[in-house]
N, C-alpha and C. Protein backbone atom coordinates (compact mmCIF):
# COMPACT_ATOMS: atom_id res chain seq x y z
N UNK A 1 113.57 68.31 162.92
CA UNK A 1 113.27 69.13 161.80
C UNK A 1 111.63 69.89 162.46
N UNK A 2 111.96 71.20 162.04
CA UNK A 2 110.48 71.96 162.11
C UNK A 2 109.56 71.83 161.02
N UNK A 3 108.40 71.80 161.37
CA UNK A 3 107.61 72.01 160.08
C UNK A 3 107.65 73.48 159.64
N UNK A 4 108.29 74.40 160.12
CA UNK A 4 108.25 75.73 159.74
C UNK A 4 109.51 75.58 158.72
N UNK A 5 110.48 74.82 159.03
CA UNK A 5 111.57 74.76 157.91
C UNK A 5 111.14 73.92 156.70
N UNK A 6 110.36 72.79 157.08
CA UNK A 6 110.05 71.62 155.95
C UNK A 6 108.99 72.70 154.97
N UNK A 7 108.13 73.25 155.42
CA UNK A 7 107.43 74.16 154.50
C UNK A 7 108.26 75.20 153.54
N UNK A 8 109.45 75.92 154.36
CA UNK A 8 110.07 76.64 153.49
C UNK A 8 111.06 75.71 152.43
N UNK A 9 111.17 74.72 152.95
CA UNK A 9 112.18 73.64 152.06
C UNK A 9 111.25 73.18 150.94
N UNK A 10 110.13 73.21 150.73
CA UNK A 10 109.05 72.47 149.95
C UNK A 10 108.76 73.92 148.92
N UNK A 11 108.52 75.00 149.64
CA UNK A 11 108.39 76.01 148.94
C UNK A 11 109.50 76.62 148.18
N UNK A 12 111.00 76.08 148.60
CA UNK A 12 111.71 76.71 147.58
C UNK A 12 112.13 75.68 146.41
N UNK A 13 111.09 74.93 146.04
CA UNK A 13 111.40 73.91 144.91
C UNK A 13 110.44 74.47 144.00
N UNK A 14 109.06 74.87 144.91
CA UNK A 14 108.24 75.38 143.84
C UNK A 14 107.06 76.05 144.34
N UNK A 15 106.20 77.15 144.03
CA UNK A 15 105.21 77.51 144.63
C UNK A 15 104.17 76.38 144.90
N UNK A 16 103.15 76.51 145.86
CA UNK A 16 102.49 75.46 146.22
C UNK A 16 101.10 76.08 147.06
N UNK A 17 99.88 75.43 147.00
CA UNK A 17 98.79 75.83 147.85
C UNK A 17 99.41 74.85 149.07
N UNK A 18 98.18 75.14 149.75
CA UNK A 18 98.26 74.30 151.14
C UNK A 18 97.88 72.63 151.29
N UNK A 19 96.96 72.75 150.29
CA UNK A 19 96.46 71.27 149.81
C UNK A 19 97.93 70.77 148.92
N UNK A 20 98.28 71.39 148.24
CA UNK A 20 99.85 70.78 147.70
C UNK A 20 100.71 70.39 148.71
N UNK A 21 101.11 71.39 149.50
CA UNK A 21 101.99 70.92 150.78
C UNK A 21 101.73 69.73 151.41
N UNK A 22 100.15 69.57 151.47
CA UNK A 22 99.90 68.31 152.35
C UNK A 22 100.36 67.25 151.50
N UNK A 23 99.63 67.04 150.07
CA UNK A 23 100.25 65.89 149.68
C UNK A 23 101.77 65.79 149.67
N UNK A 24 102.67 66.57 149.13
CA UNK A 24 103.82 66.63 148.92
C UNK A 24 104.56 66.12 150.33
N UNK A 25 104.25 66.26 151.49
CA UNK A 25 104.58 65.77 152.62
C UNK A 25 104.09 64.33 152.51
N UNK A 26 102.80 64.11 152.21
CA UNK A 26 102.19 62.47 152.51
C UNK A 26 103.14 61.61 151.35
N UNK A 27 103.56 62.00 150.24
CA UNK A 27 104.32 61.57 149.13
C UNK A 27 105.45 61.46 149.22
N UNK A 28 106.08 62.02 150.07
CA UNK A 28 107.58 62.22 150.14
C UNK A 28 108.48 62.16 151.56
N UNK A 29 108.11 62.91 152.55
CA UNK A 29 108.68 62.59 153.90
C UNK A 29 107.97 62.17 154.97
N UNK A 30 106.60 61.56 154.67
CA UNK A 30 105.65 61.11 155.82
C UNK A 30 106.50 59.85 156.75
N UNK A 31 107.43 59.39 156.06
CA UNK A 31 108.24 57.99 156.76
C UNK A 31 108.78 58.71 157.66
N UNK A 32 109.23 59.77 157.73
CA UNK A 32 110.05 60.71 159.30
C UNK A 32 109.56 61.66 159.56
N UNK A 33 108.58 62.62 158.68
CA UNK A 33 108.19 63.78 159.10
C UNK A 33 106.27 63.93 158.65
N UNK A 34 105.56 63.58 159.65
CA UNK A 34 104.17 63.76 159.09
C UNK A 34 103.62 65.27 159.29
N UNK A 35 102.61 65.56 158.72
CA UNK A 35 101.95 67.05 158.90
C UNK A 35 100.57 66.79 158.62
N UNK A 36 99.99 67.60 159.59
CA UNK A 36 98.33 67.68 159.23
C UNK A 36 98.08 68.68 158.80
N UNK A 37 96.67 68.77 157.64
CA UNK A 37 96.42 69.87 156.89
C UNK A 37 96.43 71.15 157.99
N UNK A 38 95.73 71.05 158.97
CA UNK A 38 95.47 72.30 159.92
C UNK A 38 96.51 72.74 160.33
N UNK A 39 97.89 72.00 160.81
CA UNK A 39 98.96 72.52 161.04
C UNK A 39 99.68 73.54 159.98
N UNK A 40 99.81 72.68 158.79
CA UNK A 40 100.23 73.19 157.87
C UNK A 40 99.93 74.86 157.49
N UNK A 41 98.42 74.97 157.49
CA UNK A 41 97.62 76.20 157.24
C UNK A 41 97.95 76.98 158.20
N UNK A 42 98.38 76.62 159.33
CA UNK A 42 98.64 77.29 160.83
C UNK A 42 99.78 77.98 160.28
N UNK A 43 100.89 77.41 160.11
CA UNK A 43 102.28 77.86 159.78
C UNK A 43 102.28 78.38 158.67
N UNK A 44 101.73 78.48 157.57
CA UNK A 44 101.45 79.12 156.59
C UNK A 44 101.26 80.38 156.63
N UNK A 45 100.12 80.66 157.77
CA UNK A 45 99.75 82.20 158.19
C UNK A 45 101.07 82.53 158.84
N UNK A 46 101.72 81.70 159.99
CA UNK A 46 102.92 82.69 160.49
C UNK A 46 104.06 82.88 159.72
N UNK A 47 104.29 82.30 159.02
CA UNK A 47 105.24 82.19 158.03
C UNK A 47 105.03 83.72 157.16
N UNK A 48 103.97 83.77 156.78
CA UNK A 48 103.51 84.94 156.01
C UNK A 48 103.77 86.10 157.08
N UNK A 49 103.54 86.09 157.98
CA UNK A 49 103.43 87.27 159.19
C UNK A 49 104.70 87.58 159.50
N UNK A 50 105.70 86.56 159.40
CA UNK A 50 107.14 86.97 159.56
C UNK A 50 107.61 87.18 158.01
N UNK A 51 106.93 87.59 156.95
CA UNK A 51 107.20 87.84 155.42
C UNK A 51 108.48 86.84 155.08
N UNK A 52 108.34 85.46 155.66
CA UNK A 52 109.01 84.46 154.83
C UNK A 52 108.41 83.99 153.73
N UNK A 53 107.21 84.08 153.94
CA UNK A 53 106.45 83.52 152.63
C UNK A 53 105.62 84.50 152.24
N UNK A 54 104.88 84.65 151.03
CA UNK A 54 104.10 85.22 150.16
C UNK A 54 103.00 84.29 149.75
N UNK A 55 101.74 85.14 149.30
CA UNK A 55 100.99 84.09 148.31
C UNK A 55 100.48 85.13 147.32
N UNK A 56 100.06 84.60 146.01
CA UNK A 56 99.13 85.05 145.02
C UNK A 56 97.93 84.36 145.08
N UNK A 57 97.00 84.83 144.46
CA UNK A 57 95.52 84.22 144.14
C UNK A 57 95.79 84.05 142.66
N UNK A 58 95.38 82.49 142.21
CA UNK A 58 95.46 81.95 140.85
C UNK A 58 94.08 81.65 140.31
N UNK A 59 93.39 82.41 139.34
CA UNK A 59 92.08 82.30 138.88
C UNK A 59 91.86 80.65 138.18
N UNK A 60 91.15 80.07 138.64
CA UNK A 60 90.57 78.93 137.70
C UNK A 60 89.22 79.18 137.21
N UNK A 61 88.99 78.38 135.98
CA UNK A 61 87.68 78.14 135.56
C UNK A 61 87.08 77.23 136.17
N UNK A 62 85.90 77.05 136.76
CA UNK A 62 85.20 76.05 136.95
C UNK A 62 85.50 75.66 138.47
N UNK A 63 86.20 76.00 139.00
CA UNK A 63 86.75 75.68 140.14
C UNK A 63 87.11 77.04 141.02
N UNK A 64 86.97 76.67 142.55
CA UNK A 64 87.55 78.18 143.38
C UNK A 64 89.12 78.79 142.86
N UNK A 65 89.27 79.75 143.26
CA UNK A 65 90.79 80.26 143.10
C UNK A 65 91.62 79.47 143.74
N UNK A 66 92.73 79.30 143.54
CA UNK A 66 93.85 78.82 144.05
C UNK A 66 94.49 79.97 144.96
N UNK A 67 95.15 79.55 146.24
CA UNK A 67 96.22 80.42 146.80
C UNK A 67 97.52 79.77 146.80
N UNK A 68 98.59 80.28 146.20
CA UNK A 68 99.87 79.58 145.87
C UNK A 68 100.50 80.28 146.75
N UNK A 69 101.29 79.98 147.51
CA UNK A 69 102.65 80.27 148.37
C UNK A 69 104.08 80.28 147.87
N UNK A 70 104.94 80.69 148.38
CA UNK A 70 105.96 80.85 147.88
C UNK A 70 107.18 81.56 148.48
N UNK A 71 108.32 80.87 148.80
CA UNK A 71 109.52 81.42 149.90
C UNK A 71 109.76 82.78 149.35
N UNK A 72 110.00 83.74 150.33
CA UNK A 72 110.45 85.32 149.93
C UNK A 72 111.93 84.71 150.11
N UNK A 73 112.96 86.07 149.85
CA UNK A 73 114.34 85.78 149.68
C UNK A 73 114.46 85.80 151.28
N UNK A 74 113.89 86.30 152.22
CA UNK A 74 113.97 86.43 153.70
C UNK A 74 113.89 84.48 154.06
N UNK A 75 112.65 84.19 153.61
CA UNK A 75 112.46 82.84 153.85
C UNK A 75 113.28 81.92 153.15
N UNK A 76 114.12 82.13 152.15
CA UNK A 76 114.94 81.10 151.25
C UNK A 76 116.22 81.49 152.34
N UNK A 77 116.63 82.66 152.90
CA UNK A 77 118.06 82.87 153.89
C UNK A 77 117.94 82.04 154.83
N UNK A 78 116.60 82.43 155.74
CA UNK A 78 116.18 81.22 156.86
C UNK A 78 116.29 80.06 156.82
N UNK A 79 115.82 79.59 155.54
CA UNK A 79 115.80 77.85 155.40
C UNK A 79 117.53 77.75 155.23
N UNK A 80 118.43 78.37 154.26
CA UNK A 80 119.68 78.13 154.11
C UNK A 80 120.57 78.05 155.52
N UNK A 81 120.28 79.25 156.59
CA UNK A 81 120.68 78.91 157.55
C UNK A 81 120.70 78.04 158.68
N UNK A 82 119.25 77.52 158.49
CA UNK A 82 118.72 76.30 159.21
C UNK A 82 119.50 74.98 158.93
N UNK A 83 119.49 74.76 156.88
CA UNK A 83 120.22 73.73 156.79
C UNK A 83 121.83 73.32 157.52
N UNK A 84 122.30 74.24 157.64
CA UNK A 84 123.93 74.47 158.16
C UNK A 84 123.74 73.95 159.49
N UNK A 85 123.06 74.43 160.19
CA UNK A 85 122.70 73.96 161.52
C UNK A 85 122.99 72.57 162.06
N UNK A 86 123.79 71.85 163.17
CA UNK A 86 123.66 70.46 163.53
C UNK A 86 122.52 70.18 163.78
N UNK A 87 121.76 68.83 163.25
CA UNK A 87 120.79 68.45 164.07
C UNK A 87 120.59 68.15 165.34
N UNK A 88 119.59 68.53 166.20
CA UNK A 88 119.68 68.23 167.53
C UNK A 88 119.17 66.64 167.67
N UNK A 89 119.93 66.03 169.03
CA UNK A 89 119.52 64.75 169.35
C UNK A 89 117.98 64.90 169.54
N UNK A 90 117.17 63.84 169.15
CA UNK A 90 115.86 63.84 169.21
C UNK A 90 115.36 62.61 170.17
N UNK A 91 114.90 62.94 171.32
CA UNK A 91 114.45 61.75 172.38
C UNK A 91 113.81 60.59 171.57
N UNK A 92 113.93 59.47 171.65
CA UNK A 92 113.05 58.29 171.07
C UNK A 92 111.93 58.25 171.96
N UNK A 93 110.78 57.59 171.08
CA UNK A 93 109.36 57.11 171.94
C UNK A 93 108.98 56.09 171.03
N UNK A 94 109.37 55.18 171.34
CA UNK A 94 108.72 53.68 171.16
C UNK A 94 107.75 52.81 171.62
N UNK A 95 106.35 53.13 171.27
CA UNK A 95 105.67 52.57 172.11
C UNK A 95 105.43 50.94 172.20
N UNK A 96 106.03 50.00 171.01
CA UNK A 96 106.17 48.89 171.27
C UNK A 96 107.40 48.46 172.18
N UNK A 97 108.23 49.37 172.30
CA UNK A 97 109.65 48.79 173.16
C UNK A 97 109.09 49.09 174.47
N UNK A 98 108.31 49.96 174.84
CA UNK A 98 107.70 50.16 176.41
C UNK A 98 106.74 49.00 176.52
N UNK A 99 105.95 48.28 175.36
CA UNK A 99 105.44 47.03 175.82
C UNK A 99 106.15 45.77 176.04
N UNK A 100 107.22 45.81 174.98
CA UNK A 100 107.78 44.54 175.18
C UNK A 100 108.96 44.78 176.91
N UNK A 101 109.27 45.93 176.90
CA UNK A 101 109.83 45.99 178.11
C UNK A 101 109.11 45.15 179.56
N UNK A 102 107.62 45.47 179.17
CA UNK A 102 106.80 44.79 180.43
C UNK A 102 106.06 43.68 179.91
N UNK A 103 106.63 43.20 179.13
CA UNK A 103 105.88 41.76 178.26
C UNK A 103 105.92 40.68 179.46
N UNK A 104 106.90 40.43 180.16
CA UNK A 104 106.79 39.60 181.28
C UNK A 104 105.55 39.33 181.85
N UNK A 105 104.53 40.11 181.74
CA UNK A 105 103.18 40.31 181.95
C UNK A 105 102.36 39.41 181.10
N UNK A 106 102.59 39.36 179.90
CA UNK A 106 101.64 39.00 178.77
C UNK A 106 101.97 37.42 178.55
N UNK A 107 100.89 36.44 178.26
CA UNK A 107 100.69 35.30 177.90
C UNK A 107 101.59 35.15 176.59
N UNK A 108 102.30 33.86 176.13
CA UNK A 108 102.77 33.82 174.94
C UNK A 108 102.13 34.15 174.00
N UNK A 109 100.86 33.91 173.73
CA UNK A 109 100.14 34.10 172.54
C UNK A 109 99.69 35.69 172.30
N UNK A 110 99.56 36.39 173.37
CA UNK A 110 99.30 37.74 173.26
C UNK A 110 100.76 38.66 172.85
N UNK A 111 101.86 38.04 173.46
CA UNK A 111 103.20 38.78 173.02
C UNK A 111 103.39 38.27 171.49
N UNK A 112 103.16 36.98 170.78
CA UNK A 112 103.27 36.73 169.65
C UNK A 112 102.68 37.71 169.04
N UNK A 113 101.22 37.73 168.90
CA UNK A 113 100.13 38.40 168.53
C UNK A 113 100.74 40.06 168.24
N UNK A 114 100.79 40.44 169.56
CA UNK A 114 101.85 41.77 169.45
C UNK A 114 102.92 42.02 168.39
N UNK A 115 103.84 41.36 168.18
CA UNK A 115 104.85 41.25 167.67
C UNK A 115 104.59 40.75 165.98
N UNK A 116 103.66 40.10 166.17
CA UNK A 116 103.06 39.79 164.46
C UNK A 116 102.15 40.89 163.75
N UNK A 117 101.43 41.73 164.81
CA UNK A 117 100.83 42.82 164.40
C UNK A 117 102.00 44.08 163.95
N UNK A 118 103.07 44.22 164.61
CA UNK A 118 103.84 45.12 164.05
C UNK A 118 104.88 44.94 163.02
N UNK A 119 104.89 43.53 162.79
CA UNK A 119 105.80 42.93 161.28
C UNK A 119 104.89 43.47 160.37
N UNK A 120 103.35 43.03 160.52
CA UNK A 120 102.48 43.51 159.52
C UNK A 120 102.58 44.90 158.77
N UNK A 121 102.53 45.38 159.80
CA UNK A 121 102.66 47.05 159.87
C UNK A 121 104.00 47.36 159.02
N UNK A 122 105.00 47.01 159.38
CA UNK A 122 106.44 47.23 158.77
C UNK A 122 106.59 46.82 157.22
N UNK A 123 105.79 45.65 157.22
CA UNK A 123 105.90 44.80 155.83
C UNK A 123 105.20 45.62 154.70
N UNK A 124 103.88 46.16 155.36
CA UNK A 124 103.05 47.34 154.50
C UNK A 124 103.98 48.84 154.31
N UNK A 125 104.59 48.91 155.45
CA UNK A 125 105.50 50.50 155.12
C UNK A 125 106.51 49.94 153.81
N UNK A 126 107.25 48.96 153.91
CA UNK A 126 108.25 48.42 152.98
C UNK A 126 107.47 48.41 151.67
N UNK A 127 106.43 47.97 151.61
CA UNK A 127 105.54 48.00 150.21
C UNK A 127 105.49 49.48 149.75
N UNK A 128 105.16 50.27 150.57
CA UNK A 128 105.08 51.39 150.43
C UNK A 128 106.16 52.22 149.61
N UNK A 129 107.37 51.96 150.58
CA UNK A 129 108.79 52.28 149.79
C UNK A 129 109.21 51.78 148.61
N UNK A 130 108.75 50.60 148.12
CA UNK A 130 108.97 49.87 146.99
C UNK A 130 108.11 50.58 145.96
N UNK A 131 106.98 51.01 146.18
CA UNK A 131 106.36 51.81 145.08
C UNK A 131 106.88 53.27 145.03
N UNK A 132 107.23 54.10 146.24
CA UNK A 132 107.58 55.07 146.23
C UNK A 132 109.02 55.11 145.14
N UNK A 133 110.26 54.02 145.26
CA UNK A 133 111.19 53.79 144.74
C UNK A 133 110.94 53.66 143.40
N UNK A 134 109.71 52.91 142.97
CA UNK A 134 109.76 52.69 141.85
C UNK A 134 109.35 54.40 140.78
N UNK A 135 108.63 55.16 141.60
CA UNK A 135 108.23 56.32 141.07
C UNK A 135 109.59 57.10 141.02
N UNK A 136 110.09 57.30 141.97
CA UNK A 136 111.58 58.03 141.85
C UNK A 136 112.25 57.55 140.80
N UNK A 137 112.24 56.33 140.65
CA UNK A 137 113.05 55.51 139.36
C UNK A 137 112.52 56.37 138.10
N UNK A 138 111.56 56.38 138.01
CA UNK A 138 110.66 57.09 136.75
C UNK A 138 111.41 58.47 136.44
N UNK A 139 111.13 59.22 137.72
CA UNK A 139 111.50 60.46 137.79
C UNK A 139 112.94 60.84 137.40
N UNK A 140 114.13 59.91 138.06
CA UNK A 140 115.29 59.95 137.82
C UNK A 140 115.60 59.61 136.17
N UNK A 141 114.86 58.74 135.78
CA UNK A 141 115.45 58.42 133.99
C UNK A 141 114.96 59.70 133.21
N UNK A 142 113.97 60.27 133.56
CA UNK A 142 113.19 61.36 132.67
C UNK A 142 113.95 62.78 133.35
N UNK A 143 114.66 62.91 134.39
CA UNK A 143 115.07 64.37 134.57
C UNK A 143 116.20 64.80 133.69
N UNK A 144 116.48 65.95 133.73
CA UNK A 144 117.73 66.56 133.36
C UNK A 144 118.47 66.76 134.62
N UNK A 145 120.16 66.88 134.13
CA UNK A 145 121.06 66.76 134.87
C UNK A 145 120.69 67.58 136.29
N UNK A 146 120.38 68.89 136.30
CA UNK A 146 119.90 70.03 137.51
C UNK A 146 118.91 69.10 138.34
N UNK A 147 118.09 68.86 137.74
CA UNK A 147 116.67 67.90 138.61
C UNK A 147 117.13 66.62 139.05
N UNK A 148 117.91 65.89 138.48
CA UNK A 148 118.77 64.82 139.29
C UNK A 148 119.48 65.08 140.35
N UNK A 149 120.19 66.21 140.44
CA UNK A 149 120.87 66.53 141.69
C UNK A 149 119.66 66.92 142.66
N UNK A 150 118.75 67.62 142.57
CA UNK A 150 117.75 68.11 143.39
C UNK A 150 117.11 66.50 144.11
N UNK A 151 116.95 65.51 143.11
CA UNK A 151 116.60 64.30 143.58
C UNK A 151 117.43 63.50 144.85
N UNK A 152 118.51 63.62 144.84
CA UNK A 152 119.39 63.18 145.79
C UNK A 152 119.18 63.03 146.88
N UNK A 153 118.68 64.34 147.63
CA UNK A 153 118.42 64.58 148.94
C UNK A 153 117.17 63.57 149.40
N UNK A 154 115.86 63.96 148.66
CA UNK A 154 115.23 62.66 148.71
C UNK A 154 115.38 61.04 148.91
N UNK A 155 116.40 61.14 148.06
CA UNK A 155 116.96 59.48 147.85
C UNK A 155 117.64 59.15 148.72
N UNK A 156 118.30 60.15 149.54
CA UNK A 156 119.20 59.69 150.61
C UNK A 156 118.17 59.67 151.91
N UNK A 157 117.08 60.39 152.23
CA UNK A 157 116.34 60.43 153.06
C UNK A 157 115.35 58.65 152.91
N UNK A 158 115.00 58.58 151.59
CA UNK A 158 114.73 57.06 151.53
C UNK A 158 115.61 55.88 151.56
N UNK A 159 116.75 55.91 151.52
CA UNK A 159 117.71 55.04 151.89
C UNK A 159 117.44 54.85 153.48
N UNK A 160 117.67 55.92 154.17
CA UNK A 160 117.57 55.86 155.64
C UNK A 160 116.02 54.95 155.89
N UNK A 161 115.11 55.47 155.43
CA UNK A 161 114.01 54.83 155.65
C UNK A 161 113.63 53.39 155.59
N UNK A 162 114.31 53.11 154.12
CA UNK A 162 114.36 51.61 153.84
C UNK A 162 115.58 50.77 154.74
N UNK A 163 116.63 50.99 154.82
CA UNK A 163 117.38 50.34 155.62
C UNK A 163 116.95 50.03 157.05
N UNK A 164 116.65 51.19 157.79
CA UNK A 164 115.91 51.19 159.04
C UNK A 164 114.59 49.93 159.04
N UNK A 165 113.78 50.14 158.17
CA UNK A 165 112.55 49.42 157.93
C UNK A 165 113.27 47.89 157.85
N UNK A 166 114.03 47.46 156.88
CA UNK A 166 114.67 46.24 156.57
C UNK A 166 115.08 45.69 157.57
N UNK A 167 116.07 46.54 158.68
CA UNK A 167 116.63 46.26 159.75
C UNK A 167 115.55 45.83 160.87
N UNK A 168 114.39 46.83 161.15
CA UNK A 168 113.37 46.51 161.92
C UNK A 168 112.56 45.23 161.74
N UNK A 169 112.24 44.79 160.14
CA UNK A 169 111.62 43.73 160.06
C UNK A 169 112.52 42.31 160.21
N UNK A 170 114.06 42.75 159.75
CA UNK A 170 114.52 41.36 160.74
C UNK A 170 114.66 41.15 161.78
N UNK A 171 114.61 42.56 162.60
CA UNK A 171 114.68 42.07 164.16
C UNK A 171 113.28 41.30 164.90
N UNK A 172 112.42 41.92 164.25
CA UNK A 172 110.78 41.09 164.30
C UNK A 172 110.81 39.87 163.89
N UNK A 173 111.25 39.61 162.88
CA UNK A 173 111.14 38.37 162.29
C UNK A 173 112.26 37.59 163.07
N UNK A 174 113.18 37.59 163.56
CA UNK A 174 114.04 36.98 164.33
C UNK A 174 113.35 36.68 166.03
N UNK A 175 112.82 37.94 166.32
CA UNK A 175 111.82 37.80 167.46
C UNK A 175 110.96 36.61 167.56
N UNK A 176 109.96 37.09 166.54
CA UNK A 176 108.72 36.07 165.95
C UNK A 176 109.46 34.52 166.11
N UNK A 177 110.38 34.32 165.40
CA UNK A 177 110.91 33.02 165.68
C UNK A 177 111.47 32.23 166.42
N UNK A 178 112.05 33.05 167.42
CA UNK A 178 112.62 32.76 168.81
C UNK A 178 111.00 32.35 169.63
N UNK A 179 110.14 33.16 169.38
CA UNK A 179 108.84 32.61 170.41
C UNK A 179 108.29 31.33 170.14
N UNK A 180 108.18 31.18 168.40
CA UNK A 180 107.87 30.26 167.81
C UNK A 180 108.55 28.82 168.13
N UNK A 181 109.84 29.03 168.40
CA UNK A 181 110.65 27.90 168.95
C UNK A 181 111.14 27.52 169.98
N UNK A 182 110.26 28.63 170.79
CA UNK A 182 110.15 28.60 172.50
C UNK A 182 111.84 28.82 173.32
N UNK A 183 112.61 29.65 172.08
CA UNK A 183 113.99 30.40 172.48
C UNK A 183 113.89 31.80 172.98
N UNK A 184 112.70 32.31 173.53
CA UNK A 184 112.70 33.38 173.85
C UNK A 184 113.05 33.51 175.20
N UNK A 185 114.21 33.33 175.76
CA UNK A 185 114.63 33.16 177.09
C UNK A 185 115.66 34.26 177.31
N UNK A 186 115.90 34.67 178.70
CA UNK A 186 116.77 35.50 179.36
C UNK A 186 118.31 35.06 178.57
N UNK A 187 118.89 33.82 179.08
CA UNK A 187 119.78 33.27 178.66
C UNK A 187 120.24 33.44 176.60
N UNK A 188 119.21 33.27 176.17
CA UNK A 188 119.37 33.00 174.95
C UNK A 188 119.24 34.61 174.23
N UNK A 189 118.97 35.69 174.93
CA UNK A 189 118.64 37.09 174.66
C UNK A 189 120.38 37.65 174.88
N UNK A 190 120.65 37.22 176.07
CA UNK A 190 122.08 37.76 176.71
C UNK A 190 122.99 37.38 175.42
N UNK A 191 123.18 35.90 175.03
CA UNK A 191 124.16 35.34 174.03
C UNK A 191 124.00 36.19 172.89
N UNK A 192 122.34 36.61 172.67
CA UNK A 192 122.40 37.03 171.21
C UNK A 192 123.07 38.35 170.98
N UNK A 193 122.70 39.49 172.34
CA UNK A 193 123.34 40.35 172.58
C UNK A 193 124.88 40.44 172.62
N UNK A 194 125.47 39.75 173.20
CA UNK A 194 126.91 39.54 173.03
C UNK A 194 127.57 39.03 171.68
N UNK A 195 127.00 38.20 171.00
CA UNK A 195 127.13 37.91 169.91
C UNK A 195 127.04 39.18 168.75
N UNK A 196 126.09 40.18 168.91
CA UNK A 196 126.12 41.39 168.16
C UNK A 196 126.95 42.21 168.51
N UNK A 197 127.29 42.20 169.62
CA UNK A 197 128.32 42.98 170.25
C UNK A 197 129.75 42.69 169.85
N UNK A 198 130.10 41.63 169.17
CA UNK A 198 131.42 40.89 168.96
C UNK A 198 132.06 40.56 170.22
N UNK A 199 131.34 40.33 171.18
CA UNK A 199 131.85 39.61 172.66
C UNK A 199 132.00 38.28 172.66
């Protein structure tokens, strides 16, 4: 996903300031696509230059005026064209897996700490997902049918994040359990892999 199209997607839902966009990224798609404030503002400038978004100033009492962006007709067309294109394959970069690949150099305690730290991080992410599910449940309950249809896409991405997180947690727990039991051996791992593949 490109930042360009993510911004167009959010602006297809409603007009937003750069600050609103950052908050929306953090509250909705951060588990699979993050964006920093500076990059969002840079992209808004590029989109406006390309006539894909436009802005208006909204006067506010007691606060600075707000600059609200909205997608233009050309921006919505660009978003629609992008949505139907097949998603490109994305190369994976997994720092923990690189460390585990060379973990034969680590003392058992250091390896266990590495896995436990990652497991703690995944547990925290799953707690954040649980809070977000509660928020989405309330939104679904109070939404009209048209809004419920718009919530399907965000909920689909949430099922992906939760499914991957739960599977990753299970893998890390099994790894930690094998280490604690002294069962993390080459023979045991080959046996596990064959069982997982149904061999």
